[in-house]
Amino acid sequence: MPKFGLIILITVASWLIETVIYGYLWVNNILETEPLYGYERSRLLISTGFLVYRLPYLLIALVVLIVLESLLLRASKRERMS
């Protein structure tokens, strides 16, 4: 059975990769669908919008996932010990 820290590290790494891909697709979707002019077409501005509007929810999901994993891993470790 893999160590607890390794499982959490894999979870955080996969979350980070998925968040980067989601952010990239979100920014490109806005650039393709919205009629934007001037500074509004800046990737930095749209990326900041992603950080403000989407990232907090993704961070909450990561924290919930880590808490659930830790509870389940501790429960399975107790069952294995007894």
Foldseek 3Di string as FASTA:
>chain_A
DDDLVVVLVVLVVVLVVVLVVVLVVQLVVCLVPPPDDDPVNDSVVSSVVCCVPPVVVSVVVSVVVSVVSVVVVVVVVVVVVD
